[in-house]
Amino acid sequence: MGVHQFKIGLESVAKVNWRNRTVLDVGCGDGNLTQAILTKTRCKRIIGIDIDEDKIKRAKNRLSKEGVSKMAFFVADASNLDLFKDSSFDAVFSNIAFHQFADKKASLKEIFRVLRIGGEAIINFIEEKSEVRKQMEKIASYAPFDKFVKIGKGKGKKISKEEFNKIARDVGFSKVISVSKDHTFWYPTVESLLAGYHNLDVTFPELKKLPIKLQDLLWEKLRQEFLSRKTTKGFGETWRVVFAHLVK
């Protein structure tokens, strides 16, 4: 998990009281934030799930190395949490992952199901696509790239705060509070800004269909676009993040 996502996650739990609570982390990645949540909130136990097997392997390696007995990690899809019985958790946490879920309503239904009555869910997600993604989609829509790929569908599809609120109420949450905030992150070089997007399996799987030469050309065009935006602070990227607090 990137440093910015990590900071957003910790910010969202700054005032929660999860002491002696059991928590589910949905979309936990490699588990580094999961462990920080355990320490920050002093919860009794936290279980992380992620659909990515490699990330869960890294999370489990973290357990074996650091010997943390209060954490566990499993491969699971957010829309199907059959690993857990109804009302299994006091709280559910999900950070910068919900907008990537293929079936958002089914995922919220499952989160609702595994929460105990009165339990709370904290879900942070990106409301607007990142500037990098927006520009990548724009560049890829022109020749010669448009003959090979179409970016903008599937993973990373945005959801508005209003759409999220409606789904949350529809699945049964009694309390739905969400706030949008703009977060701008600054990088010293354009390479450091773009570095987090080069894992095509996660960020732009469509680009793998491009011949290697066209992949290189597209990345160079993207690099030049952001070079033209340099400020005295460096290279900025703004995300609009929704901080949602739900109560069952």
C-alpha atoms as a PDB file:
ATOM      1  CA  MET A   1       0.000   0.000   0.000  1.00  0.00           C
ATOM      2  CA  GLY A   2       1.310   3.436  -0.920  1.00  0.00           C
ATOM      3  CA  VAL A   3       2.262   5.999   1.679  1.00  0.00           C
ATOM      4  CA  HIS A   4      -0.684   8.249   0.761  1.00  0.00           C
ATOM      5  CA  GLN A   5      -3.285   5.506   1.078  1.00  0.00           C
ATOM      6  CA  PHE A   6      -1.676   4.572   4.396  1.00  0.00           C
ATOM      7  CA  LYS A   7      -2.019   8.136   5.729  1.00  0.00           C
ATOM      8  CA  ILE A   8      -5.654   8.342   4.596  1.00  0.00           C
ATOM      9  CA  GLY A   9      -6.434   5.081   6.383  1.00  0.00           C
ATOM     10  CA  LEU A  10      -4.906   6.202   9.668  1.00  0.00           C
ATOM     11  CA  GLU A  11      -6.630   9.592   9.430  1.00  0.00           C
ATOM     12  CA  SER A  12     -10.011   7.870   9.141  1.00  0.00           C
ATOM     13  CA  VAL A  13      -9.622   5.918  12.410  1.00  0.00           C
ATOM     14  CA  ALA A  14      -8.054   8.708  14.474  1.00  0.00           C
ATOM     15  CA  LYS A  15     -11.121   9.042  16.704  1.00  0.00           C
ATOM     16  CA  VAL A  16     -12.624   5.553  16.746  1.00  0.00           C
ATOM     17  CA  ASN A  17     -12.899   3.464  19.893  1.00  0.00           C
ATOM     18  CA  TRP A  18     -12.285  -0.147  18.882  1.00  0.00           C
ATOM     19  CA  ARG A  19     -10.614  -1.290  22.088  1.00  0.00           C
ATOM     20  CA  ASN A  20     -11.449  -4.974  22.632  1.00  0.00           C
ATOM     21  CA  ARG A  21     -13.374  -5.042  19.333  1.00  0.00           C
ATOM     22  CA  THR A  22     -13.077  -7.580  16.499  1.00  0.00           C
ATOM     23  CA  VAL A  23     -12.433  -5.903  13.138  1.00  0.00           C
ATOM     24  CA  LEU A  24     -12.547  -7.028   9.497  1.00  0.00           C
ATOM     25  CA  ASP A  25     -10.266  -5.216   7.020  1.00  0.00           C
ATOM     26  CA  VAL A  26     -11.758  -5.577   3.527  1.00  0.00           C
ATOM     27  CA  GLY A  27      -9.213  -5.116   0.755  1.00  0.00           C
ATOM     28  CA  CYS A  28      -6.269  -5.274   3.158  1.00  0.00           C
ATOM     29  CA  GLY A  29      -3.508  -5.561   0.542  1.00  0.00           C
ATOM     30  CA  ASP A  30      -0.193  -6.645   2.035  1.00  0.00           C
ATOM     31  CA  GLY A  31      -1.360  -6.054   5.598  1.00  0.00           C
ATOM     32  CA  ASN A  32       0.861  -3.115   6.555  1.00  0.00           C
ATOM     33  CA  LEU A  33      -2.118  -0.841   7.256  1.00  0.00           C
ATOM     34  CA  THR A  34      -3.961  -3.716   8.940  1.00  0.00           C
ATOM     35  CA  GLN A  35      -1.189  -3.955  11.498  1.00  0.00           C
ATOM     36  CA  ALA A  36      -1.162  -0.179  11.983  1.00  0.00           C
ATOM     37  CA  ILE A  37      -4.933  -0.236  12.599  1.00  0.00           C
ATOM     38  CA  LEU A  38      -4.425  -2.937  15.236  1.00  0.00           C
ATOM     39  CA  THR A  39      -1.894  -0.751  17.048  1.00  0.00           C
ATOM     40  CA  LYS A  40      -3.768   2.535  16.559  1.00  0.00           C
ATOM     41  CA  THR A  41      -7.204   1.361  17.680  1.00  0.00           C
ATOM     42  CA  ARG A  42      -6.089  -1.284  20.200  1.00  0.00           C
ATOM     43  CA  CYS A  43      -8.721  -3.642  18.846  1.00  0.00           C
ATOM     44  CA  LYS A  44      -8.865  -7.188  20.188  1.00  0.00           C
ATOM     45  CA  ARG A  45      -8.358  -8.901  16.814  1.00  0.00           C
ATOM     46  CA  ILE A  46      -8.286  -7.878  13.161  1.00  0.00           C
ATOM     47  CA  ILE A  47      -8.759 -10.108  10.124  1.00  0.00           C
ATOM     48  CA  GLY A  48      -7.732  -8.946   6.663  1.00  0.00           C
ATOM     49  CA  ILE A  49      -9.133 -10.205   3.379  1.00  0.00           C
ATOM     50  CA  ASP A  50      -8.100  -9.437  -0.178  1.00  0.00           C
ATOM     51  CA  ILE A  51      -8.856 -10.966  -3.562  1.00  0.00           C
ATOM     52  CA  ASP A  52      -5.166 -10.802  -4.551  1.00  0.00           C
ATOM     53  CA  GLU A  53      -3.412 -14.034  -3.517  1.00  0.00           C
ATOM     54  CA  ASP A  54       0.075 -12.516  -3.806  1.00  0.00           C
ATOM     55  CA  LYS A  55      -0.815  -9.691  -1.435  1.00  0.00           C
ATOM     56  CA  ILE A  56      -2.243 -12.140   1.078  1.00  0.00           C
ATOM     57  CA  LYS A  57       0.950 -14.189   0.866  1.00  0.00           C
ATOM     58  CA  ARG A  58       2.948 -11.063   1.715  1.00  0.00           C
ATOM     59  CA  ALA A  59       0.548 -10.292   4.560  1.00  0.00           C
ATOM     60  CA  LYS A  60       0.999 -13.801   5.984  1.00  0.00           C
ATOM     61  CA  ASN A  61       4.776 -13.445   5.707  1.00  0.00           C
ATOM     62  CA  ARG A  62       4.425 -10.318   7.823  1.00  0.00           C
ATOM     63  CA  LEU A  63       2.721 -12.458  10.465  1.00  0.00           C
ATOM     64  CA  SER A  64       5.403 -15.122  10.467  1.00  0.00           C
ATOM     65  CA  LYS A  65       8.186 -12.560  10.680  1.00  0.00           C
ATOM     66  CA  GLU A  66       6.671 -10.347  13.342  1.00  0.00           C
ATOM     67  CA  GLY A  67       4.738 -12.979  15.279  1.00  0.00           C
ATOM     68  CA  VAL A  68       1.543 -10.954  15.628  1.00  0.00           C
ATOM     69  CA  SER A  69      -1.064 -13.272  17.142  1.00  0.00           C
ATOM     70  CA  LYS A  70      -3.947 -10.831  16.886  1.00  0.00           C
ATOM     71  CA  MET A  71      -4.099 -10.794  13.075  1.00  0.00           C
ATOM     72  CA  ALA A  72      -5.121 -13.279  10.389  1.00  0.00           C
ATOM     73  CA  PHE A  73      -5.332 -12.994   6.591  1.00  0.00           C
ATOM     74  CA  PHE A  74      -7.449 -14.798   4.004  1.00  0.00           C
ATOM     75  CA  VAL A  75      -8.054 -14.676   0.256  1.00  0.00           C
ATOM     76  CA  ALA A  76     -11.658 -13.628  -0.303  1.00  0.00           C
ATOM     77  CA  ASP A  77     -13.840 -11.498  -2.548  1.00  0.00           C
ATOM     78  CA  ALA A  78     -15.591  -8.596  -0.824  1.00  0.00           C
ATOM     79  CA  SER A  79     -18.854  -9.580  -2.503  1.00  0.00           C
ATOM     80  CA  ASN A  80     -18.725 -13.097  -1.031  1.00  0.00           C
ATOM     81  CA  LEU A  81     -17.657 -13.308   2.613  1.00  0.00           C
ATOM     82  CA  ASP A  82     -18.882 -16.856   3.220  1.00  0.00           C
ATOM     83  CA  LEU A  83     -15.796 -17.446   5.363  1.00  0.00           C
ATOM     84  CA  PHE A  84     -17.598 -15.542   8.111  1.00  0.00           C
ATOM     85  CA  LYS A  85     -20.909 -16.099   9.856  1.00  0.00           C
ATOM     86  CA  ASP A  86     -23.566 -13.425  10.270  1.00  0.00           C
ATOM     87  CA  SER A  87     -22.751 -10.791  12.916  1.00  0.00           C
ATOM     88  CA  SER A  88     -19.116 -11.901  13.264  1.00  0.00           C
ATOM     89  CA  PHE A  89     -17.503  -8.462  13.645  1.00  0.00           C
ATOM     90  CA  ASP A  90     -17.866  -5.345  15.756  1.00  0.00           C
ATOM     91  CA  ALA A  91     -16.401  -3.161  12.994  1.00  0.00           C
ATOM     92  CA  VAL A  92     -15.451  -3.301   9.331  1.00  0.00           C
ATOM     93  CA  PHE A  93     -12.723  -1.195   7.766  1.00  0.00           C
ATOM     94  CA  SER A  94     -11.948  -0.706   4.077  1.00  0.00           C
ATOM     95  CA  ASN A  95      -9.410   1.774   2.726  1.00  0.00           C
ATOM     96  CA  ILE A  96      -9.053   2.979  -0.890  1.00  0.00           C
ATOM     97  CA  ALA A  97     -10.452  -0.276  -2.265  1.00  0.00           C
ATOM     98  CA  PHE A  98     -14.246  -0.007  -2.505  1.00  0.00           C
ATOM     99  CA  HIS A  99     -14.235   1.883  -5.823  1.00  0.00           C
ATOM    100  CA  GLN A 100     -12.433  -1.126  -7.358  1.00  0.00           C
ATOM    101  CA  PHE A 101     -14.988  -3.706  -6.243  1.00  0.00           C
ATOM    102  CA  ALA A 102     -16.795  -5.206  -9.229  1.00  0.00           C
ATOM    103  CA  ASP A 103     -20.131  -5.609  -7.396  1.00  0.00           C
ATOM    104  CA  LYS A 104     -20.421  -2.725  -4.963  1.00  0.00           C
ATOM    105  CA  LYS A 105     -23.938  -3.456  -3.758  1.00  0.00           C
ATOM    106  CA  ALA A 106     -23.167  -7.114  -3.053  1.00  0.00           C
ATOM    107  CA  SER A 107     -20.028  -6.049  -1.182  1.00  0.00           C
ATOM    108  CA  LEU A 108     -21.967  -3.646   1.051  1.00  0.00           C
ATOM    109  CA  LYS A 109     -24.585  -6.348   1.663  1.00  0.00           C
ATOM    110  CA  GLU A 110     -21.860  -8.693   2.857  1.00  0.00           C
ATOM    111  CA  ILE A 111     -20.295  -6.017   5.051  1.00  0.00           C
ATOM    112  CA  PHE A 112     -23.745  -5.387   6.557  1.00  0.00           C
ATOM    113  CA  ARG A 113     -24.313  -9.118   7.101  1.00  0.00           C
ATOM    114  CA  VAL A 114     -21.061  -9.802   8.964  1.00  0.00           C
ATOM    115  CA  LEU A 115     -21.482  -6.757  11.235  1.00  0.00           C
ATOM    116  CA  ARG A 116     -23.147  -7.116  14.607  1.00  0.00           C
ATOM    117  CA  ILE A 117     -26.174  -4.928  15.398  1.00  0.00           C
ATOM    118  CA  GLY A 118     -24.815  -1.499  16.282  1.00  0.00           C
ATOM    119  CA  GLY A 119     -21.501  -2.274  14.595  1.00  0.00           C
ATOM    120  CA  GLU A 120     -19.826   0.353  12.434  1.00  0.00           C
ATOM    121  CA  ALA A 121     -18.089   0.352   9.085  1.00  0.00           C
ATOM    122  CA  ILE A 122     -15.481   2.872   7.997  1.00  0.00           C
ATOM    123  CA  ILE A 123     -15.052   2.850   4.239  1.00  0.00           C
ATOM    124  CA  ASN A 124     -12.759   5.252   2.391  1.00  0.00           C
ATOM    125  CA  PHE A 125     -12.780   5.306  -1.390  1.00  0.00           C
ATOM    126  CA  ILE A 126     -11.773   7.450  -4.337  1.00  0.00           C
ATOM    127  CA  GLU A 127     -14.733   9.411  -5.685  1.00  0.00           C
ATOM    128  CA  GLU A 128     -12.957  10.848  -8.718  1.00  0.00           C
ATOM    129  CA  LYS A 129     -10.383   9.101 -10.858  1.00  0.00           C
ATOM    130  CA  SER A 130      -6.816  10.191 -10.253  1.00  0.00           C
ATOM    131  CA  GLU A 131      -5.244  12.716 -12.608  1.00  0.00           C
ATOM    132  CA  VAL A 132      -2.870  10.046 -13.864  1.00  0.00           C
ATOM    133  CA  ARG A 133      -5.755   7.767 -14.790  1.00  0.00           C
ATOM    134  CA  LYS A 134      -7.714  10.576 -16.425  1.00  0.00           C
ATOM    135  CA  GLN A 135      -4.747  11.574 -18.575  1.00  0.00           C
ATOM    136  CA  MET A 136      -3.894   7.980 -19.431  1.00  0.00           C
ATOM    137  CA  GLU A 137      -7.451   7.407 -20.636  1.00  0.00           C
ATOM    138  CA  LYS A 138      -7.332  10.612 -22.681  1.00  0.00           C
ATOM    139  CA  ILE A 139      -4.035   9.769 -24.374  1.00  0.00           C
ATOM    140  CA  ALA A 140      -5.098   6.170 -25.040  1.00  0.00           C
ATOM    141  CA  SER A 141      -8.272   7.364 -26.780  1.00  0.00           C
ATOM    142  CA  TYR A 142      -6.223   8.712 -29.709  1.00  0.00           C
ATOM    143  CA  ALA A 143      -4.341   6.968 -32.501  1.00  0.00           C
ATOM    144  CA  PRO A 144      -2.374   4.760 -32.617  1.00  0.00           C
ATOM    145  CA  PHE A 145      -3.393   3.450 -29.189  1.00  0.00           C
ATOM    146  CA  ASP A 146      -7.150   3.448 -29.730  1.00  0.00           C
ATOM    147  CA  LYS A 147      -6.906   0.569 -32.235  1.00  0.00           C
ATOM    148  CA  PHE A 148      -5.607  -1.720 -29.500  1.00  0.00           C
ATOM    149  CA  VAL A 149      -7.104  -0.697 -26.170  1.00  0.00           C
ATOM    150  CA  LYS A 150      -9.939   1.075 -24.439  1.00  0.00           C
ATOM    151  CA  ILE A 151      -9.193   2.226 -20.905  1.00  0.00           C
ATOM    152  CA  GLY A 152     -11.827   3.326 -18.447  1.00  0.00           C
ATOM    153  CA  LYS A 153     -13.966   0.294 -17.679  1.00  0.00           C
ATOM    154  CA  GLY A 154     -13.694  -2.320 -14.973  1.00  0.00           C
ATOM    155  CA  LYS A 155     -11.275  -1.798 -12.077  1.00  0.00           C
ATOM    156  CA  GLY A 156     -11.024   1.751 -10.916  1.00  0.00           C
ATOM    157  CA  LYS A 157     -14.567   2.665 -12.002  1.00  0.00           C
ATOM    158  CA  LYS A 158     -15.591   5.635  -9.899  1.00  0.00           C
ATOM    159  CA  ILE A 159     -18.636   5.846  -7.659  1.00  0.00           C
ATOM    160  CA  SER A 160     -20.029   9.089  -6.310  1.00  0.00           C
ATOM    161  CA  LYS A 161     -20.703   9.809  -2.660  1.00  0.00           C
ATOM    162  CA  GLU A 162     -24.430  10.044  -3.428  1.00  0.00           C
ATOM    163  CA  GLU A 163     -24.474   6.660  -5.173  1.00  0.00           C
ATOM    164  CA  PHE A 164     -22.614   5.088  -2.267  1.00  0.00           C
ATOM    165  CA  ASN A 165     -25.006   6.585   0.291  1.00  0.00           C
ATOM    166  CA  LYS A 166     -28.023   5.241  -1.579  1.00  0.00           C
ATOM    167  CA  ILE A 167     -26.595   1.727  -1.770  1.00  0.00           C
ATOM    168  CA  ALA A 168     -25.678   1.801   1.922  1.00  0.00           C
ATOM    169  CA  ARG A 169     -29.208   2.799   2.894  1.00  0.00           C
ATOM    170  CA  ASP A 170     -30.727   0.251   0.511  1.00  0.00           C
ATOM    171  CA  VAL A 171     -28.834  -2.643   2.095  1.00  0.00           C
ATOM    172  CA  GLY A 172     -30.041  -1.612   5.555  1.00  0.00           C
ATOM    173  CA  PHE A 173     -27.527   0.630   7.329  1.00  0.00           C
ATOM    174  CA  SER A 174     -29.361   2.788   9.867  1.00  0.00           C
ATOM    175  CA  LYS A 175     -26.760   5.560   9.874  1.00  0.00           C
ATOM    176  CA  VAL A 176     -24.874   6.776   6.807  1.00  0.00           C
ATOM    177  CA  ILE A 177     -22.478   9.711   7.056  1.00  0.00           C
ATOM    178  CA  SER A 178     -19.985  10.489   4.302  1.00  0.00           C
ATOM    179  CA  VAL A 179     -17.689  13.432   3.624  1.00  0.00           C
ATOM    180  CA  SER A 180     -15.675  14.213   0.494  1.00  0.00           C
ATOM    181  CA  LYS A 181     -12.173  15.663   0.847  1.00  0.00           C
ATOM    182  CA  ASP A 182      -9.564  16.589  -1.741  1.00  0.00           C
ATOM    183  CA  HIS A 183      -6.097  15.239  -0.999  1.00  0.00           C
ATOM    184  CA  THR A 184      -3.159  16.528  -3.063  1.00  0.00           C
ATOM    185  CA  PHE A 185       0.043  14.529  -2.916  1.00  0.00           C
ATOM    186  CA  TRP A 186       3.366  15.997  -4.033  1.00  0.00           C
ATOM    187  CA  TYR A 187       6.271  14.176  -5.630  1.00  0.00           C
ATOM    188  CA  PRO A 188       9.818  15.446  -6.234  1.00  0.00           C
ATOM    189  CA  THR A 189      10.056  13.940  -9.726  1.00  0.00           C
ATOM    190  CA  VAL A 190       7.620  12.899 -12.407  1.00  0.00           C
ATOM    191  CA  GLU A 191       9.107   9.402 -12.253  1.00  0.00           C
ATOM    192  CA  SER A 192       8.202   9.083  -8.571  1.00  0.00           C
ATOM    193  CA  LEU A 193       4.646  10.240  -9.328  1.00  0.00           C
ATOM    194  CA  LEU A 194       4.159   7.632 -12.055  1.00  0.00           C
ATOM    195  CA  ALA A 195       6.039   4.810 -10.328  1.00  0.00           C
ATOM    196  CA  GLY A 196       2.973   3.523  -8.512  1.00  0.00           C
ATOM    197  CA  TYR A 197       1.090   3.045 -11.781  1.00  0.00           C
ATOM    198  CA  HIS A 198       3.552   0.797 -13.590  1.00  0.00           C
ATOM    199  CA  ASN A 199       2.122  -2.455 -12.227  1.00  0.00           C
ATOM    200  CA  LEU A 200      -0.208  -3.018 -15.167  1.00  0.00           C
ATOM    201  CA  ASP A 201      -1.931  -5.997 -13.557  1.00  0.00           C
ATOM    202  CA  VAL A 202      -3.347  -3.604 -10.964  1.00  0.00           C
ATOM    203  CA  THR A 203      -3.575  -0.202 -12.628  1.00  0.00           C
ATOM    204  CA  PHE A 204      -4.061  -0.532 -16.389  1.00  0.00           C
ATOM    205  CA  PRO A 205      -4.411  -4.225 -17.338  1.00  0.00           C
ATOM    206  CA  GLU A 206      -5.754  -3.130 -20.720  1.00  0.00           C
ATOM    207  CA  LEU A 207      -2.313  -1.774 -21.648  1.00  0.00           C
ATOM    208  CA  LYS A 208      -0.869  -5.272 -21.709  1.00  0.00           C
ATOM    209  CA  LYS A 209      -2.644  -5.677 -25.049  1.00  0.00           C
ATOM    210  CA  LEU A 210      -0.450  -2.959 -26.552  1.00  0.00           C
ATOM    211  CA  PRO A 211       2.790  -3.837 -28.356  1.00  0.00           C
ATOM    212  CA  ILE A 212       5.761  -3.005 -26.132  1.00  0.00           C
ATOM    213  CA  LYS A 213       6.827  -0.080 -28.335  1.00  0.00           C
ATOM    214  CA  LEU A 214       3.376   1.507 -28.027  1.00  0.00           C
ATOM    215  CA  GLN A 215       3.366   0.938 -24.263  1.00  0.00           C
ATOM    216  CA  ASP A 216       6.648   2.832 -24.043  1.00  0.00           C
ATOM    217  CA  LEU A 217       5.308   5.610 -26.261  1.00  0.00           C
ATOM    218  CA  LEU A 218       2.144   5.987 -24.185  1.00  0.00           C
ATOM    219  CA  TRP A 219       4.107   6.211 -20.928  1.00  0.00           C
ATOM    220  CA  GLU A 220       6.399   8.815 -22.469  1.00  0.00           C
ATOM    221  CA  LYS A 221       3.446  10.938 -23.571  1.00  0.00           C
ATOM    222  CA  LEU A 222       2.025  10.690 -20.060  1.00  0.00           C
ATOM    223  CA  ARG A 223       5.395  11.668 -18.611  1.00  0.00           C
ATOM    224  CA  GLN A 224       5.593  14.733 -20.855  1.00  0.00           C
ATOM    225  CA  GLU A 225       2.067  15.769 -19.864  1.00  0.00           C
ATOM    226  CA  PHE A 226       2.979  15.843 -16.176  1.00  0.00           C
ATOM    227  CA  LEU A 227       6.362  17.457 -16.801  1.00  0.00           C
ATOM    228  CA  SER A 228       4.432  20.421 -18.185  1.00  0.00           C
ATOM    229  CA  ARG A 229       2.589  20.737 -14.842  1.00  0.00           C
ATOM    230  CA  LYS A 230       5.585  21.141 -12.572  1.00  0.00           C
ATOM    231  CA  THR A 231       5.192  23.699  -9.761  1.00  0.00           C
ATOM    232  CA  THR A 232       7.448  24.975  -7.005  1.00  0.00           C
ATOM    233  CA  LYS A 233       6.120  22.092  -4.862  1.00  0.00           C
ATOM    234  CA  GLY A 234       6.994  19.509  -7.483  1.00  0.00           C
ATOM    235  CA  PHE A 235       4.507  17.276  -9.255  1.00  0.00           C
ATOM    236  CA  GLY A 236       1.045  17.063  -7.726  1.00  0.00           C
ATOM    237  CA  GLU A 237      -1.791  14.612  -7.993  1.00  0.00           C
ATOM    238  CA  THR A 238      -5.184  15.251  -6.409  1.00  0.00           C
ATOM    239  CA  TRP A 239      -7.600  12.558  -5.298  1.00  0.00           C
ATOM    240  CA  ARG A 240     -11.116  13.227  -4.067  1.00  0.00           C
ATOM    241  CA  VAL A 241     -11.628  10.769  -1.227  1.00  0.00           C
ATOM    242  CA  VAL A 242     -14.912   9.910   0.453  1.00  0.00           C
ATOM    243  CA  PHE A 243     -14.723   9.101   4.158  1.00  0.00           C
ATOM    244  CA  ALA A 244     -17.852   7.090   4.983  1.00  0.00           C
ATOM    245  CA  HIS A 245     -19.084   6.044   8.416  1.00  0.00           C
ATOM    246  CA  LEU A 246     -21.898   3.499   8.519  1.00  0.00           C
ATOM    247  CA  VAL A 247     -23.752   1.987  11.460  1.00  0.00           C
ATOM    248  CA  LYS A 248     -25.845  -1.192  11.308  1.00  0.00           C
END
